[in-house]
Structures are given as structure tokens and as C-alpha cells.
Amino acid sequence: MSCLSPASSSRDVDAALARLPIDYREAVVLRDIEGLSTADAAGLLDIGECALKSRLHRGRMALRRELDAFFTQD
């Protein structure tokens, strides 16, 4: 596992979030960072809950791919 400082990890996560498509980034930020419920996040984005869940899943998977290199063994 890579040894990252908290500040370095935070910058890496912020950079990876910034690279996500806006639709995915909004879903991830509202649910996982801001802590909104699915219903509240969907309402803010003016989309259905199923659409929010799809965007959230795709955003999380894209974020995971972006960050995988930081958490794999050398």
C-alpha cells in the first residue's frame, strides 16, 4: 500500500474529483461529501432517484479507477 500523507491524499482525491464528468462529480459530491440523501441530491439536480443512483455508481467507479494507482502495492 502506498504511504501518502493526509494532505497529499486530499489533493489527489480533489484532483481526481475534478477530472470526473460534471454529472458524476455532482452526484458524488452531494452524496458522499455533503452527505445528502438520495432523494435530496436528486431533487437538487432535478433528476430522478434512479438517475442519481446511476450517476453516483458510475462516478464512484471512475473515481476508484483514478485513485487505484495510489493504493496498489509497488
C-alpha atoms as a PDB file:
ATOM      1  CA  MET A   1       0.000   0.000   0.000  1.00  0.00           C
ATOM      2  CA  SER A   2       1.247   3.455  -0.833  1.00  0.00           C
ATOM      3  CA  CYS A   3       2.161   5.715   2.090  1.00  0.00           C
ATOM      4  CA  LEU A   4       0.507   9.066   1.500  1.00  0.00           C
ATOM      5  CA  SER A   5       0.225  11.953   3.870  1.00  0.00           C
ATOM      6  CA  PRO A   6      -3.315  13.164   4.617  1.00  0.00           C
ATOM      7  CA  ALA A   7      -2.655  16.448   2.776  1.00  0.00           C
ATOM      8  CA  SER A   8      -1.293  14.605  -0.250  1.00  0.00           C
ATOM      9  CA  SER A   9      -4.231  12.179  -0.227  1.00  0.00           C
ATOM     10  CA  SER A  10      -6.711  15.028  -0.041  1.00  0.00           C
ATOM     11  CA  ARG A  11      -5.106  16.785  -3.007  1.00  0.00           C
ATOM     12  CA  ASP A  12      -5.139  13.551  -5.005  1.00  0.00           C
ATOM     13  CA  VAL A  13      -8.821  12.970  -4.261  1.00  0.00           C
ATOM     14  CA  ASP A  14      -9.669  16.592  -5.114  1.00  0.00           C
ATOM     15  CA  ALA A  15      -7.786  16.319  -8.409  1.00  0.00           C
ATOM     16  CA  ALA A  16      -9.474  13.017  -9.264  1.00  0.00           C
ATOM     17  CA  LEU A  17     -12.891  14.520  -8.475  1.00  0.00           C
ATOM     18  CA  ALA A  18     -12.131  17.477 -10.723  1.00  0.00           C
ATOM     19  CA  ARG A  19     -11.432  15.119 -13.624  1.00  0.00           C
ATOM     20  CA  LEU A  20     -14.830  13.416 -13.360  1.00  0.00           C
ATOM     21  CA  PRO A  21     -17.555  14.427 -15.798  1.00  0.00           C
ATOM     22  CA  ILE A  22     -19.731  17.080 -14.170  1.00  0.00           C
ATOM     23  CA  ASP A  23     -22.795  14.813 -13.903  1.00  0.00           C
ATOM     24  CA  TYR A  24     -20.830  12.210 -11.971  1.00  0.00           C
ATOM     25  CA  ARG A  25     -18.943  14.758  -9.885  1.00  0.00           C
ATOM     26  CA  GLU A  26     -22.152  16.455  -8.739  1.00  0.00           C
ATOM     27  CA  ALA A  27     -23.661  13.137  -7.648  1.00  0.00           C
ATOM     28  CA  VAL A  28     -20.544  12.026  -5.766  1.00  0.00           C
ATOM     29  CA  VAL A  29     -20.059  15.372  -4.038  1.00  0.00           C
ATOM     30  CA  LEU A  30     -23.685  15.727  -2.978  1.00  0.00           C
ATOM     31  CA  ARG A  31     -23.997  12.181  -1.619  1.00  0.00           C
ATOM     32  CA  ASP A  32     -20.520  11.238  -0.410  1.00  0.00           C
ATOM     33  CA  ILE A  33     -19.060  14.575   0.617  1.00  0.00           C
ATOM     34  CA  GLU A  34     -22.074  16.717   1.509  1.00  0.00           C
ATOM     35  CA  GLY A  35     -23.987  13.733   2.933  1.00  0.00           C
ATOM     36  CA  LEU A  36     -27.332  14.445   1.264  1.00  0.00           C
ATOM     37  CA  SER A  37     -29.897  11.698   0.934  1.00  0.00           C
ATOM     38  CA  THR A  38     -30.568  10.194  -2.474  1.00  0.00           C
ATOM     39  CA  ALA A  39     -33.915  11.989  -2.626  1.00  0.00           C
ATOM     40  CA  ASP A  40     -32.432  15.358  -1.655  1.00  0.00           C
ATOM     41  CA  ALA A  41     -29.498  15.089  -4.088  1.00  0.00           C
ATOM     42  CA  ALA A  42     -31.814  14.026  -6.918  1.00  0.00           C
ATOM     43  CA  GLY A  43     -34.123  16.938  -6.133  1.00  0.00           C
ATOM     44  CA  LEU A  44     -31.270  19.445  -6.225  1.00  0.00           C
ATOM     45  CA  LEU A  45     -30.124  18.109  -9.581  1.00  0.00           C
ATOM     46  CA  ASP A  46     -33.698  17.924 -10.887  1.00  0.00           C
ATOM     47  CA  ILE A  47     -33.342  14.247 -11.840  1.00  0.00           C
ATOM     48  CA  GLY A  48     -34.986  11.054 -10.659  1.00  0.00           C
ATOM     49  CA  GLU A  49     -33.555   8.963  -7.844  1.00  0.00           C
ATOM     50  CA  CYS A  50     -32.709   6.119 -10.248  1.00  0.00           C
ATOM     51  CA  ALA A  51     -30.743   8.523 -12.435  1.00  0.00           C
ATOM     52  CA  LEU A  52     -28.908   9.850  -9.369  1.00  0.00           C
ATOM     53  CA  LYS A  53     -28.032   6.308  -8.283  1.00  0.00           C
ATOM     54  CA  SER A  54     -26.676   5.518 -11.760  1.00  0.00           C
ATOM     55  CA  ARG A  55     -24.562   8.673 -11.831  1.00  0.00           C
ATOM     56  CA  LEU A  56     -23.333   8.002  -8.326  1.00  0.00           C
ATOM     57  CA  HIS A  57     -22.302   4.443  -9.158  1.00  0.00           C
ATOM     58  CA  ARG A  58     -20.552   5.479 -12.363  1.00  0.00           C
ATOM     59  CA  GLY A  59     -18.867   8.385 -10.608  1.00  0.00           C
ATOM     60  CA  ARG A  60     -17.612   6.182  -7.786  1.00  0.00           C
ATOM     61  CA  MET A  61     -16.257   3.623 -10.252  1.00  0.00           C
ATOM     62  CA  ALA A  62     -14.494   6.335 -12.254  1.00  0.00           C
ATOM     63  CA  LEU A  63     -13.068   7.824  -9.065  1.00  0.00           C
ATOM     64  CA  ARG A  64     -11.873   4.413  -7.982  1.00  0.00           C
ATOM     65  CA  ARG A  65     -10.078   3.899 -11.310  1.00  0.00           C
ATOM     66  CA  GLU A  66      -8.455   7.328 -10.940  1.00  0.00           C
ATOM     67  CA  LEU A  67      -7.231   6.576  -7.420  1.00  0.00           C
ATOM     68  CA  ASP A  68      -6.333   2.880  -7.785  1.00  0.00           C
ATOM     69  CA  ALA A  69      -2.699   3.647  -8.585  1.00  0.00           C
ATOM     70  CA  PHE A  70      -2.275   5.372  -5.231  1.00  0.00           C
ATOM     71  CA  PHE A  71      -3.435   2.361  -3.255  1.00  0.00           C
ATOM     72  CA  THR A  72      -1.799  -0.564  -5.049  1.00  0.00           C
ATOM     73  CA  GLN A  73       1.341  -2.226  -3.837  1.00  0.00           C
ATOM     74  CA  ASP A  74       4.576  -1.296  -5.546  1.00  0.00           C
END
